[in-house]
PDB file of all heavy atoms in Angstrom:
ATOM      1  N   MET A   1      10.059  11.426 -16.312  1.00  0.00           N
ATOM      2  CA  MET A   1       9.765  10.919 -14.968  1.00  0.00           C
ATOM      3  C   MET A   1       8.608  11.687 -14.338  1.00  0.00           C
ATOM      4  O   MET A   1       7.728  11.100 -13.691  1.00  0.00           O
ATOM      5  CB  MET A   1      11.012  11.020 -14.082  1.00  0.00           C
ATOM      6  CG  MET A   1      12.129  10.068 -14.456  1.00  0.00           C
ATOM      7  SD  MET A   1      13.633  10.333 -13.462  1.00  0.00           S
ATOM      8  CE  MET A   1      13.032   9.921 -11.812  1.00  0.00           C
ATOM      9  N   LEU A   2       8.580  13.009 -14.543  1.00  0.00           N
ATOM     10  CA  LEU A   2       7.493  13.828 -14.008  1.00  0.00           C
ATOM     11  C   LEU A   2       6.162  13.473 -14.661  1.00  0.00           C
ATOM     12  O   LEU A   2       5.128  13.382 -13.989  1.00  0.00           O
ATOM     13  CB  LEU A   2       7.799  15.313 -14.217  1.00  0.00           C
ATOM     14  CG  LEU A   2       8.903  15.922 -13.355  1.00  0.00           C
ATOM     15  CD1 LEU A   2       9.243  17.328 -13.852  1.00  0.00           C
ATOM     16  CD2 LEU A   2       8.488  15.968 -11.890  1.00  0.00           C
ATOM     17  N   LEU A   3       6.193  13.266 -15.975  1.00  0.00           N
ATOM     18  CA  LEU A   3       4.972  12.909 -16.696  1.00  0.00           C
ATOM     19  C   LEU A   3       4.422  11.563 -16.213  1.00  0.00           C
ATOM     20  O   LEU A   3       3.214  11.413 -15.991  1.00  0.00           O
ATOM     21  CB  LEU A   3       5.241  12.849 -18.207  1.00  0.00           C
ATOM     22  CG  LEU A   3       5.506  14.189 -18.900  1.00  0.00           C
ATOM     23  CD1 LEU A   3       5.970  13.958 -20.335  1.00  0.00           C
ATOM     24  CD2 LEU A   3       4.252  15.056 -18.884  1.00  0.00           C
ATOM     25  N   ILE A   4       5.313  10.600 -16.033  1.00  0.00           N
ATOM     26  CA  ILE A   4       4.889   9.273 -15.567  1.00  0.00           C
ATOM     27  C   ILE A   4       4.362   9.345 -14.141  1.00  0.00           C
ATOM     28  O   ILE A   4       3.317   8.766 -13.818  1.00  0.00           O
ATOM     29  CB  ILE A   4       6.059   8.273 -15.652  1.00  0.00           C
ATOM     30  CG1 ILE A   4       6.449   8.041 -17.118  1.00  0.00           C
ATOM     31  CG2 ILE A   4       5.693   6.946 -14.992  1.00  0.00           C
ATOM     32  CD1 ILE A   4       7.671   7.177 -17.299  1.00  0.00           C
ATOM     33  N   ALA A   5       5.087  10.080 -13.265  1.00  0.00           N
ATOM     34  CA  ALA A   5       4.667  10.195 -11.869  1.00  0.00           C
ATOM     35  C   ALA A   5       3.296  10.848 -11.764  1.00  0.00           C
ATOM     36  O   ALA A   5       2.496  10.503 -10.878  1.00  0.00           O
ATOM     37  CB  ALA A   5       5.693  11.009 -11.076  1.00  0.00           C
ATOM     38  N   GLY A   6       2.997  11.787 -12.662  1.00  0.00           N
ATOM     39  CA  GLY A   6       1.679  12.414 -12.657  1.00  0.00           C
ATOM     40  C   GLY A   6       0.606  11.475 -13.176  1.00  0.00           C
ATOM     41  O   GLY A   6      -0.486  11.386 -12.612  1.00  0.00           O
ATOM     42  N   ALA A   7       0.934  10.739 -14.239  1.00  0.00           N
ATOM     43  CA  ALA A   7      -0.055   9.849 -14.859  1.00  0.00           C
ATOM     44  C   ALA A   7      -0.459   8.709 -13.938  1.00  0.00           C
ATOM     45  O   ALA A   7      -1.641   8.336 -13.883  1.00  0.00           O
ATOM     46  CB  ALA A   7       0.507   9.293 -16.169  1.00  0.00           C
ATOM     47  N   VAL A   8       0.497   8.154 -13.193  1.00  0.00           N
ATOM     48  CA  VAL A   8       0.180   6.988 -12.351  1.00  0.00           C
ATOM     49  C   VAL A   8      -0.751   7.350 -11.200  1.00  0.00           C
ATOM     50  O   VAL A   8      -1.392   6.466 -10.618  1.00  0.00           O
ATOM     51  CB  VAL A   8       1.465   6.338 -11.786  1.00  0.00           C
ATOM     52  CG1 VAL A   8       2.347   5.815 -12.900  1.00  0.00           C
ATOM     53  CG2 VAL A   8       2.238   7.309 -10.898  1.00  0.00           C
ATOM     54  N   MET A   9      -0.868   8.644 -10.886  1.00  0.00           N
ATOM     55  CA  MET A   9      -1.758   9.041  -9.808  1.00  0.00           C
ATOM     56  C   MET A   9      -3.222   8.838 -10.175  1.00  0.00           C
ATOM     57  O   MET A   9      -4.099   8.852  -9.313  1.00  0.00           O
ATOM     58  CB  MET A   9      -1.518  10.495  -9.419  1.00  0.00           C
ATOM     59  CG  MET A   9      -0.130  10.774  -8.845  1.00  0.00           C
ATOM     60  SD  MET A   9       0.282   9.702  -7.448  1.00  0.00           S
ATOM     61  CE  MET A   9      -0.816  10.338  -6.190  1.00  0.00           C
ATOM     62  N   PHE A  10      -3.503   8.645 -11.469  1.00  0.00           N
ATOM     63  CA  PHE A  10      -4.874   8.410 -11.903  1.00  0.00           C
ATOM     64  C   PHE A  10      -5.217   6.924 -11.969  1.00  0.00           C
ATOM     65  O   PHE A  10      -6.342   6.564 -12.321  1.00  0.00           O
ATOM     66  CB  PHE A  10      -5.112   9.063 -13.271  1.00  0.00           C
ATOM     67  CG  PHE A  10      -5.142  10.565 -13.218  1.00  0.00           C
ATOM     68  CD1 PHE A  10      -4.064  11.312 -13.672  1.00  0.00           C
ATOM     69  CD2 PHE A  10      -6.241  11.238 -12.700  1.00  0.00           C
ATOM     70  CE1 PHE A  10      -4.081  12.705 -13.613  1.00  0.00           C
ATOM     71  CE2 PHE A  10      -6.265  12.626 -12.632  1.00  0.00           C
ATOM     72  CZ  PHE A  10      -5.186  13.353 -13.091  1.00  0.00           C
ATOM     73  N   ILE A  11      -4.239   6.076 -11.643  1.00  0.00           N
ATOM     74  CA  ILE A  11      -4.524   4.645 -11.577  1.00  0.00           C
ATOM     75  C   ILE A  11      -5.384   4.387 -10.344  1.00  0.00           C
ATOM     76  O   ILE A  11      -5.004   4.764  -9.229  1.00  0.00           O
ATOM     77  CB  ILE A  11      -3.217   3.825 -11.487  1.00  0.00           C
ATOM     78  CG1 ILE A  11      -2.372   4.048 -12.745  1.00  0.00           C
ATOM     79  CG2 ILE A  11      -3.521   2.338 -11.285  1.00  0.00           C
ATOM     80  CD1 ILE A  11      -1.026   3.335 -12.692  1.00  0.00           C
ATOM     81  N   PRO A  12      -6.538   3.777 -10.521  1.00  0.00           N
ATOM     82  CA  PRO A  12      -7.419   3.545  -9.354  1.00  0.00           C
ATOM     83  C   PRO A  12      -6.800   2.577  -8.363  1.00  0.00           C
ATOM     84  O   PRO A  12      -6.459   1.445  -8.716  1.00  0.00           O
ATOM     85  CB  PRO A  12      -8.692   2.962  -9.991  1.00  0.00           C
ATOM     86  CG  PRO A  12      -8.242   2.373 -11.286  1.00  0.00           C
ATOM     87  CD  PRO A  12      -7.108   3.251 -11.766  1.00  0.00           C
ATOM     88  N   ILE A  13      -6.618   3.041  -7.137  1.00  0.00           N
ATOM     89  CA  ILE A  13      -6.050   2.223  -6.067  1.00  0.00           C
ATOM     90  C   ILE A  13      -6.998   2.248  -4.881  1.00  0.00           C
ATOM     91  O   ILE A  13      -7.377   3.320  -4.402  1.00  0.00           O
ATOM     92  CB  ILE A  13      -4.667   2.747  -5.621  1.00  0.00           C
ATOM     93  CG1 ILE A  13      -3.679   2.690  -6.786  1.00  0.00           C
ATOM     94  CG2 ILE A  13      -4.137   1.936  -4.445  1.00  0.00           C
ATOM     95  CD1 ILE A  13      -3.325   1.289  -7.225  1.00  0.00           C
ATOM     96  N   SER A  14      -7.383   1.082  -4.425  1.00  0.00           N
ATOM     97  CA  SER A  14      -8.255   1.007  -3.256  1.00  0.00           C
ATOM     98  C   SER A  14      -7.446   1.305  -2.006  1.00  0.00           C
ATOM     99  O   SER A  14      -6.336   0.798  -1.837  1.00  0.00           O
ATOM    100  CB  SER A  14      -8.879  -0.394  -3.146  1.00  0.00           C
ATOM    101  OG  SER A  14      -9.614  -0.513  -1.941  1.00  0.00           O
ATOM    102  N   GLU A  15      -7.982   2.158  -1.126  1.00  0.00           N
ATOM    103  CA  GLU A  15      -7.295   2.491   0.111  1.00  0.00           C
ATOM    104  C   GLU A  15      -7.795   1.633   1.276  1.00  0.00           C
ATOM    105  O   GLU A  15      -7.565   1.931   2.431  1.00  0.00           O
ATOM    106  CB  GLU A  15      -7.476   3.975   0.450  1.00  0.00           C
ATOM    107  CG  GLU A  15      -6.801   4.883  -0.557  1.00  0.00           C
ATOM    108  CD  GLU A  15      -6.667   6.295  -0.040  1.00  0.00           C
ATOM    109  OE1 GLU A  15      -7.227   6.594   1.033  1.00  0.00           O
ATOM    110  OE2 GLU A  15      -6.001   7.109  -0.690  1.00  0.00           O
ATOM    111  N   LYS A  16      -8.448   0.519   0.959  1.00  0.00           N
ATOM    112  CA  LYS A  16      -8.893  -0.395   2.001  1.00  0.00           C
ATOM    113  C   LYS A  16      -7.706  -1.140   2.559  1.00  0.00           C
ATOM    114  O   LYS A  16      -6.909  -1.707   1.826  1.00  0.00           O
ATOM    115  CB  LYS A  16      -9.917  -1.391   1.421  1.00  0.00           C
ATOM    116  CG  LYS A  16     -10.451  -2.359   2.475  1.00  0.00           C
ATOM    117  CD  LYS A  16     -11.449  -3.336   1.845  1.00  0.00           C
ATOM    118  CE  LYS A  16     -11.963  -4.317   2.871  1.00  0.00           C
ATOM    119  NZ  LYS A  16     -12.935  -5.293   2.292  1.00  0.00           N
ATOM    120  N   LYS A  17      -7.531  -1.148   3.841  1.00  0.00           N
ATOM    121  CA  LYS A  17      -6.375  -1.762   4.477  1.00  0.00           C
ATOM    122  C   LYS A  17      -6.546  -3.269   4.548  1.00  0.00           C
ATOM    123  O   LYS A  17      -7.558  -3.773   5.017  1.00  0.00           O
ATOM    124  CB  LYS A  17      -6.163  -1.205   5.892  1.00  0.00           C
ATOM    125  CG  LYS A  17      -6.256   0.292   5.966  1.00  0.00           C
ATOM    126  CD  LYS A  17      -5.247   0.954   5.067  1.00  0.00           C
ATOM    127  CE  LYS A  17      -5.386   2.453   5.086  1.00  0.00           C
ATOM    128  NZ  LYS A  17      -6.644   2.959   4.618  1.00  0.00           N
ATOM    129  N   ASP A  18      -5.552  -4.026   4.086  1.00  0.00           N
ATOM    130  CA  ASP A  18      -5.595  -5.476   4.053  1.00  0.00           C
ATOM    131  C   ASP A  18      -4.935  -6.013   5.308  1.00  0.00           C
ATOM    132  O   ASP A  18      -3.838  -6.575   5.261  1.00  0.00           O
ATOM    133  CB  ASP A  18      -4.875  -5.982   2.793  1.00  0.00           C
ATOM    134  CG  ASP A  18      -5.105  -7.471   2.575  1.00  0.00           C
ATOM    135  OD1 ASP A  18      -5.987  -8.030   3.248  1.00  0.00           O
ATOM    136  OD2 ASP A  18      -4.398  -8.047   1.729  1.00  0.00           O
ATOM    137  N   THR A  19      -5.584  -5.824   6.450  1.00  0.00           N
ATOM    138  CA  THR A  19      -4.968  -6.209   7.714  1.00  0.00           C
ATOM    139  C   THR A  19      -5.318  -7.627   8.135  1.00  0.00           C
ATOM    140  O   THR A  19      -4.735  -8.156   9.063  1.00  0.00           O
ATOM    141  CB  THR A  19      -5.420  -5.251   8.837  1.00  0.00           C
ATOM    142  OG1 THR A  19      -6.853  -5.228   8.881  1.00  0.00           O
ATOM    143  CG2 THR A  19      -4.908  -3.851   8.582  1.00  0.00           C
ATOM    144  N   ASP A  20      -6.298  -8.262   7.461  1.00  0.00           N
ATOM    145  CA  ASP A  20      -6.676  -9.617   7.826  1.00  0.00           C
ATOM    146  C   ASP A  20      -5.712 -10.639   7.235  1.00  0.00           C
ATOM    147  O   ASP A  20      -5.639 -11.768   7.681  1.00  0.00           O
ATOM    148  CB  ASP A  20      -8.097  -9.916   7.319  1.00  0.00           C
ATOM    149  CG  ASP A  20      -9.125  -9.025   8.012  1.00  0.00           C
ATOM    150  OD1 ASP A  20      -8.855  -8.647   9.165  1.00  0.00           O
ATOM    151  OD2 ASP A  20     -10.151  -8.727   7.393  1.00  0.00           O
ATOM    152  N   LYS A  21      -4.987 -10.210   6.240  1.00  0.00           N
ATOM    153  CA  LYS A  21      -4.068 -11.107   5.567  1.00  0.00           C
ATOM    154  C   LYS A  21      -2.797 -11.289   6.391  1.00  0.00           C
ATOM    155  O   LYS A  21      -2.199 -10.333   6.838  1.00  0.00           O
ATOM    156  CB  LYS A  21      -3.725 -10.504   4.196  1.00  0.00           C
ATOM    157  CG  LYS A  21      -2.845 -11.376   3.337  1.00  0.00           C
ATOM    158  CD  LYS A  21      -2.638 -10.678   2.008  1.00  0.00           C
ATOM    159  CE  LYS A  21      -1.737 -11.498   1.084  1.00  0.00           C
ATOM    160  NZ  LYS A  21      -1.520 -10.806  -0.197  1.00  0.00           N
ATOM    161  N   GLU A  22      -2.390 -12.535   6.598  1.00  0.00           N
ATOM    162  CA  GLU A  22      -1.182 -12.797   7.370  1.00  0.00           C
ATOM    163  C   GLU A  22       0.045 -12.359   6.582  1.00  0.00           C
ATOM    164  O   GLU A  22       0.120 -12.522   5.372  1.00  0.00           O
ATOM    165  CB  GLU A  22      -1.088 -14.289   7.702  1.00  0.00           C
ATOM    166  CG  GLU A  22      -2.144 -14.763   8.679  1.00  0.00           C
ATOM    167  CD  GLU A  22      -1.920 -16.213   9.062  1.00  0.00           C
ATOM    168  OE1 GLU A  22      -0.913 -16.793   8.598  1.00  0.00           O
ATOM    169  OE2 GLU A  22      -2.745 -16.760   9.805  1.00  0.00           O
ATOM    170  N   THR A  23       1.005 -11.805   7.297  1.00  0.00           N
ATOM    171  CA  THR A  23       2.240 -11.388   6.645  1.00  0.00           C
ATOM    172  C   THR A  23       3.168 -12.568   6.469  1.00  0.00           C
ATOM    173  O   THR A  23       3.117 -13.535   7.207  1.00  0.00           O
ATOM    174  CB  THR A  23       2.949 -10.301   7.479  1.00  0.00           C
ATOM    175  OG1 THR A  23       3.236 -10.835   8.773  1.00  0.00           O
ATOM    176  CG2 THR A  23       2.068  -9.074   7.644  1.00  0.00           C
ATOM    177  N   TYR A  24       3.993 -12.497   5.454  1.00  0.00           N
ATOM    178  CA  TYR A  24       4.990 -13.531   5.212  1.00  0.00           C
ATOM    179  C   TYR A  24       6.243 -12.852   4.684  1.00  0.00           C
ATOM    180  O   TYR A  24       6.313 -11.623   4.624  1.00  0.00           O
ATOM    181  CB  TYR A  24       4.464 -14.601   4.240  1.00  0.00           C
ATOM    182  CG  TYR A  24       3.937 -14.069   2.936  1.00  0.00           C
ATOM    183  CD1 TYR A  24       4.770 -13.889   1.838  1.00  0.00           C
ATOM    184  CD2 TYR A  24       2.586 -13.725   2.788  1.00  0.00           C
ATOM    185  CE1 TYR A  24       4.286 -13.413   0.637  1.00  0.00           C
ATOM    186  CE2 TYR A  24       2.095 -13.249   1.592  1.00  0.00           C
ATOM    187  CZ  TYR A  24       2.957 -13.097   0.522  1.00  0.00           C
ATOM    188  OH  TYR A  24       2.483 -12.602  -0.668  1.00  0.00           O
ATOM    189  N   PHE A  25       7.260 -13.640   4.343  1.00  0.00           N
ATOM    190  CA  PHE A  25       8.550 -13.082   3.952  1.00  0.00           C
ATOM    191  C   PHE A  25       8.384 -12.115   2.773  1.00  0.00           C
ATOM    192  O   PHE A  25       7.883 -12.493   1.719  1.00  0.00           O
ATOM    193  CB  PHE A  25       9.515 -14.198   3.560  1.00  0.00           C
ATOM    194  CG  PHE A  25      10.911 -13.701   3.275  1.00  0.00           C
ATOM    195  CD1 PHE A  25      11.713 -13.226   4.297  1.00  0.00           C
ATOM    196  CD2 PHE A  25      11.405 -13.696   1.976  1.00  0.00           C
ATOM    197  CE1 PHE A  25      12.990 -12.768   4.040  1.00  0.00           C
ATOM    198  CE2 PHE A  25      12.674 -13.241   1.712  1.00  0.00           C
ATOM    199  CZ  PHE A  25      13.472 -12.779   2.743  1.00  0.00           C
ATOM    200  N   GLY A  26       8.795 -10.868   2.981  1.00  0.00           N
ATOM    201  CA  GLY A  26       8.671  -9.849   1.944  1.00  0.00           C
ATOM    202  C   GLY A  26       7.453  -8.974   2.109  1.00  0.00           C
ATOM    203  O   GLY A  26       7.330  -7.955   1.425  1.00  0.00           O
ATOM    204  N   ILE A  27       6.550  -9.327   2.993  1.00  0.00           N
ATOM    205  CA  ILE A  27       5.361  -8.517   3.277  1.00  0.00           C
ATOM    206  C   ILE A  27       5.485  -7.974   4.701  1.00  0.00           C
ATOM    207  O   ILE A  27       5.597  -8.739   5.655  1.00  0.00           O
ATOM    208  CB  ILE A  27       4.054  -9.329   3.161  1.00  0.00           C
ATOM    209  CG1 ILE A  27       3.951  -9.976   1.787  1.00  0.00           C
ATOM    210  CG2 ILE A  27       2.862  -8.432   3.438  1.00  0.00           C
ATOM    211  CD1 ILE A  27       3.833  -8.986   0.650  1.00  0.00           C
ATOM    212  N   VAL A  28       5.496  -6.664   4.825  1.00  0.00           N
ATOM    213  CA  VAL A  28       5.675  -6.024   6.121  1.00  0.00           C
ATOM    214  C   VAL A  28       4.420  -5.245   6.487  1.00  0.00           C
ATOM    215  O   VAL A  28       3.834  -4.570   5.634  1.00  0.00           O
ATOM    216  CB  VAL A  28       6.899  -5.080   6.117  1.00  0.00           C
ATOM    217  CG1 VAL A  28       7.083  -4.428   7.474  1.00  0.00           C
ATOM    218  CG2 VAL A  28       8.153  -5.839   5.714  1.00  0.00           C
ATOM    219  N   ASN A  29       4.009  -5.331   7.736  1.00  0.00           N
ATOM    220  CA  ASN A  29       2.836  -4.621   8.217  1.00  0.00           C
ATOM    221  C   ASN A  29       3.264  -3.324   8.893  1.00  0.00           C
ATOM    222  O   ASN A  29       4.095  -3.325   9.791  1.00  0.00           O
ATOM    223  CB  ASN A  29       2.048  -5.491   9.202  1.00  0.00           C
ATOM    224  CG  ASN A  29       0.747  -4.840   9.616  1.00  0.00           C
ATOM    225  OD1 ASN A  29       0.694  -4.146  10.631  1.00  0.00           O
ATOM    226  ND2 ASN A  29      -0.296  -5.068   8.840  1.00  0.00           N
ATOM    227  N   PHE A  30       2.694  -2.196   8.419  1.00  0.00           N
ATOM    228  CA  PHE A  30       3.005  -0.890   8.981  1.00  0.00           C
ATOM    229  C   PHE A  30       1.775  -0.320   9.660  1.00  0.00           C
ATOM    230  O   PHE A  30       0.641  -0.627   9.296  1.00  0.00           O
ATOM    231  CB  PHE A  30       3.469   0.083   7.897  1.00  0.00           C
ATOM    232  CG  PHE A  30       4.843  -0.186   7.384  1.00  0.00           C
ATOM    233  CD1 PHE A  30       5.031  -0.877   6.196  1.00  0.00           C
ATOM    234  CD2 PHE A  30       5.955   0.251   8.084  1.00  0.00           C
ATOM    235  CE1 PHE A  30       6.302  -1.119   5.719  1.00  0.00           C
ATOM    236  CE2 PHE A  30       7.226   0.008   7.607  1.00  0.00           C
ATOM    237  CZ  PHE A  30       7.397  -0.677   6.426  1.00  0.00           C
ATOM    238  N   LYS A  31       2.008   0.554  10.626  1.00  0.00           N
ATOM    239  CA  LYS A  31       0.920   1.232  11.313  1.00  0.00           C
ATOM    240  C   LYS A  31       1.089   2.733  11.162  1.00  0.00           C
ATOM    241  O   LYS A  31       2.177   3.274  11.349  1.00  0.00           O
ATOM    242  CB  LYS A  31       0.892   0.874  12.806  1.00  0.00           C
ATOM    243  CG  LYS A  31      -0.259   1.534  13.564  1.00  0.00           C
ATOM    244  CD  LYS A  31      -0.271   1.114  15.026  1.00  0.00           C
ATOM    245  CE  LYS A  31      -1.430   1.780  15.760  1.00  0.00           C
ATOM    246  NZ  LYS A  31      -1.455   1.395  17.201  1.00  0.00           N
ATOM    247  N   SER A  32       0.004   3.402  10.820  1.00  0.00           N
ATOM    248  CA  SER A  32      -0.010   4.859  10.731  1.00  0.00           C
ATOM    249  C   SER A  32      -1.243   5.338  11.466  1.00  0.00           C
ATOM    250  O   SER A  32      -2.371   5.138  11.010  1.00  0.00           O
ATOM    251  CB  SER A  32      -0.049   5.318   9.270  1.00  0.00           C
ATOM    252  OG  SER A  32      -0.148   6.724   9.195  1.00  0.00           O
ATOM    253  N   GLY A  33      -1.042   5.930  12.633  1.00  0.00           N
ATOM    254  CA  GLY A  33      -2.176   6.320  13.454  1.00  0.00           C
ATOM    255  C   GLY A  33      -2.902   5.086  13.949  1.00  0.00           C
ATOM    256  O   GLY A  33      -2.314   4.198  14.558  1.00  0.00           O
ATOM    257  N   ASP A  34      -4.178   5.014  13.659  1.00  0.00           N
ATOM    258  CA  ASP A  34      -4.982   3.863  14.067  1.00  0.00           C
ATOM    259  C   ASP A  34      -5.164   2.856  12.933  1.00  0.00           C
ATOM    260  O   ASP A  34      -5.934   1.909  13.061  1.00  0.00           O
ATOM    261  CB  ASP A  34      -6.362   4.334  14.551  1.00  0.00           C
ATOM    262  CG  ASP A  34      -6.254   5.240  15.772  1.00  0.00           C
ATOM    263  OD1 ASP A  34      -5.345   4.995  16.594  1.00  0.00           O
ATOM    264  OD2 ASP A  34      -7.067   6.183  15.883  1.00  0.00           O
ATOM    265  N   GLU A  35      -4.476   3.086  11.817  1.00  0.00           N
ATOM    266  CA  GLU A  35      -4.647   2.228  10.660  1.00  0.00           C
ATOM    267  C   GLU A  35      -3.395   1.389  10.407  1.00  0.00           C
ATOM    268  O   GLU A  35      -2.271   1.812  10.682  1.00  0.00           O
ATOM    269  CB  GLU A  35      -4.955   3.074   9.409  1.00  0.00           C
ATOM    270  CG  GLU A  35      -6.237   3.892   9.527  1.00  0.00           C
ATOM    271  CD  GLU A  35      -6.469   4.772   8.324  1.00  0.00           C
ATOM    272  OE1 GLU A  35      -5.471   5.112   7.650  1.00  0.00           O
ATOM    273  OE2 GLU A  35      -7.627   5.116   8.039  1.00  0.00           O
ATOM    274  N   ARG A  36      -3.621   0.199   9.866  1.00  0.00           N
ATOM    275  CA  ARG A  36      -2.517  -0.686   9.490  1.00  0.00           C
ATOM    276  C   ARG A  36      -2.659  -1.059   8.017  1.00  0.00           C
ATOM    277  O   ARG A  36      -3.764  -1.126   7.490  1.00  0.00           O
ATOM    278  CB  ARG A  36      -2.529  -1.961  10.348  1.00  0.00           C
ATOM    279  CG  ARG A  36      -2.106  -1.730  11.799  1.00  0.00           C
ATOM    280  CD  ARG A  36      -2.011  -3.045  12.552  1.00  0.00           C
ATOM    281  NE  ARG A  36      -1.544  -2.850  13.919  1.00  0.00           N
ATOM    282  CZ  ARG A  36      -0.263  -2.789  14.277  1.00  0.00           C
ATOM    283  NH1 ARG A  36       0.678  -2.926  13.345  1.00  0.00           N
ATOM    284  NH2 ARG A  36       0.084  -2.603  15.534  1.00  0.00           N
ATOM    285  N   TYR A  37      -1.532  -1.301   7.378  1.00  0.00           N
ATOM    286  CA  TYR A  37      -1.555  -1.715   5.983  1.00  0.00           C
ATOM    287  C   TYR A  37      -0.313  -2.547   5.704  1.00  0.00           C
ATOM    288  O   TYR A  37       0.719  -2.420   6.374  1.00  0.00           O
ATOM    289  CB  TYR A  37      -1.612  -0.497   5.047  1.00  0.00           C
ATOM    290  CG  TYR A  37      -0.612   0.582   5.377  1.00  0.00           C
ATOM    291  CD1 TYR A  37       0.668   0.571   4.830  1.00  0.00           C
ATOM    292  CD2 TYR A  37      -0.942   1.615   6.248  1.00  0.00           C
ATOM    293  CE1 TYR A  37       1.576   1.538   5.144  1.00  0.00           C
ATOM    294  CE2 TYR A  37      -0.020   2.594   6.575  1.00  0.00           C
ATOM    295  CZ  TYR A  37       1.235   2.552   6.013  1.00  0.00           C
ATOM    296  OH  TYR A  37       2.144   3.516   6.335  1.00  0.00           O
ATOM    297  N   ASN A  38      -0.412  -3.420   4.729  1.00  0.00           N
ATOM    298  CA  ASN A  38       0.689  -4.295   4.355  1.00  0.00           C
ATOM    299  C   ASN A  38       1.448  -3.720   3.166  1.00  0.00           C
ATOM    300  O   ASN A  38       0.840  -3.220   2.214  1.00  0.00           O
ATOM    301  CB  ASN A  38       0.166  -5.693   3.999  1.00  0.00           C
ATOM    302  CG  ASN A  38      -0.386  -6.423   5.206  1.00  0.00           C
ATOM    303  OD1 ASN A  38       0.059  -6.187   6.331  1.00  0.00           O
ATOM    304  ND2 ASN A  38      -1.355  -7.294   4.993  1.00  0.00           N
ATOM    305  N   VAL A  39       2.765  -3.791   3.222  1.00  0.00           N
ATOM    306  CA  VAL A  39       3.621  -3.311   2.137  1.00  0.00           C
ATOM    307  C   VAL A  39       4.383  -4.494   1.561  1.00  0.00           C
ATOM    308  O   VAL A  39       5.071  -5.213   2.287  1.00  0.00           O
ATOM    309  CB  VAL A  39       4.617  -2.241   2.635  1.00  0.00           C
ATOM    310  CG1 VAL A  39       5.582  -1.857   1.524  1.00  0.00           C
ATOM    311  CG2 VAL A  39       3.870  -1.016   3.138  1.00  0.00           C
ATOM    312  N   ASN A  40       4.242  -4.700   0.269  1.00  0.00           N
ATOM    313  CA  ASN A  40       4.954  -5.763  -0.429  1.00  0.00           C
ATOM    314  C   ASN A  40       6.344  -5.254  -0.805  1.00  0.00           C
ATOM    315  O   ASN A  40       6.506  -4.492  -1.751  1.00  0.00           O
ATOM    316  CB  ASN A  40       4.181  -6.183  -1.679  1.00  0.00           C
ATOM    317  CG  ASN A  40       4.756  -7.428  -2.332  1.00  0.00           C
ATOM    318  OD1 ASN A  40       5.948  -7.717  -2.194  1.00  0.00           O
ATOM    319  ND2 ASN A  40       3.925  -8.161  -3.031  1.00  0.00           N
ATOM    320  N   LEU A  41       7.349  -5.680  -0.060  1.00  0.00           N
ATOM    321  CA  LEU A  41       8.715  -5.202  -0.290  1.00  0.00           C
ATOM    322  C   LEU A  41       9.267  -5.665  -1.632  1.00  0.00           C
ATOM    323  O   LEU A  41      10.174  -5.034  -2.183  1.00  0.00           O
ATOM    324  CB  LEU A  41       9.632  -5.676   0.838  1.00  0.00           C
ATOM    325  CG  LEU A  41       9.303  -5.143   2.243  1.00  0.00           C
ATOM    326  CD1 LEU A  41      10.319  -5.667   3.252  1.00  0.00           C
ATOM    327  CD2 LEU A  41       9.273  -3.615   2.260  1.00  0.00           C
TER     328      LEU A  41
END
């Protein structure tokens, strides 16, 4: 589990917030400070 958790950190993930996309069932919009991002539940 530790090896996998370390390896996945090298997967390229864009930190651009997808706030223009409308939320729907299973997609929740969170706010952290002045930024918002969608979480796919």
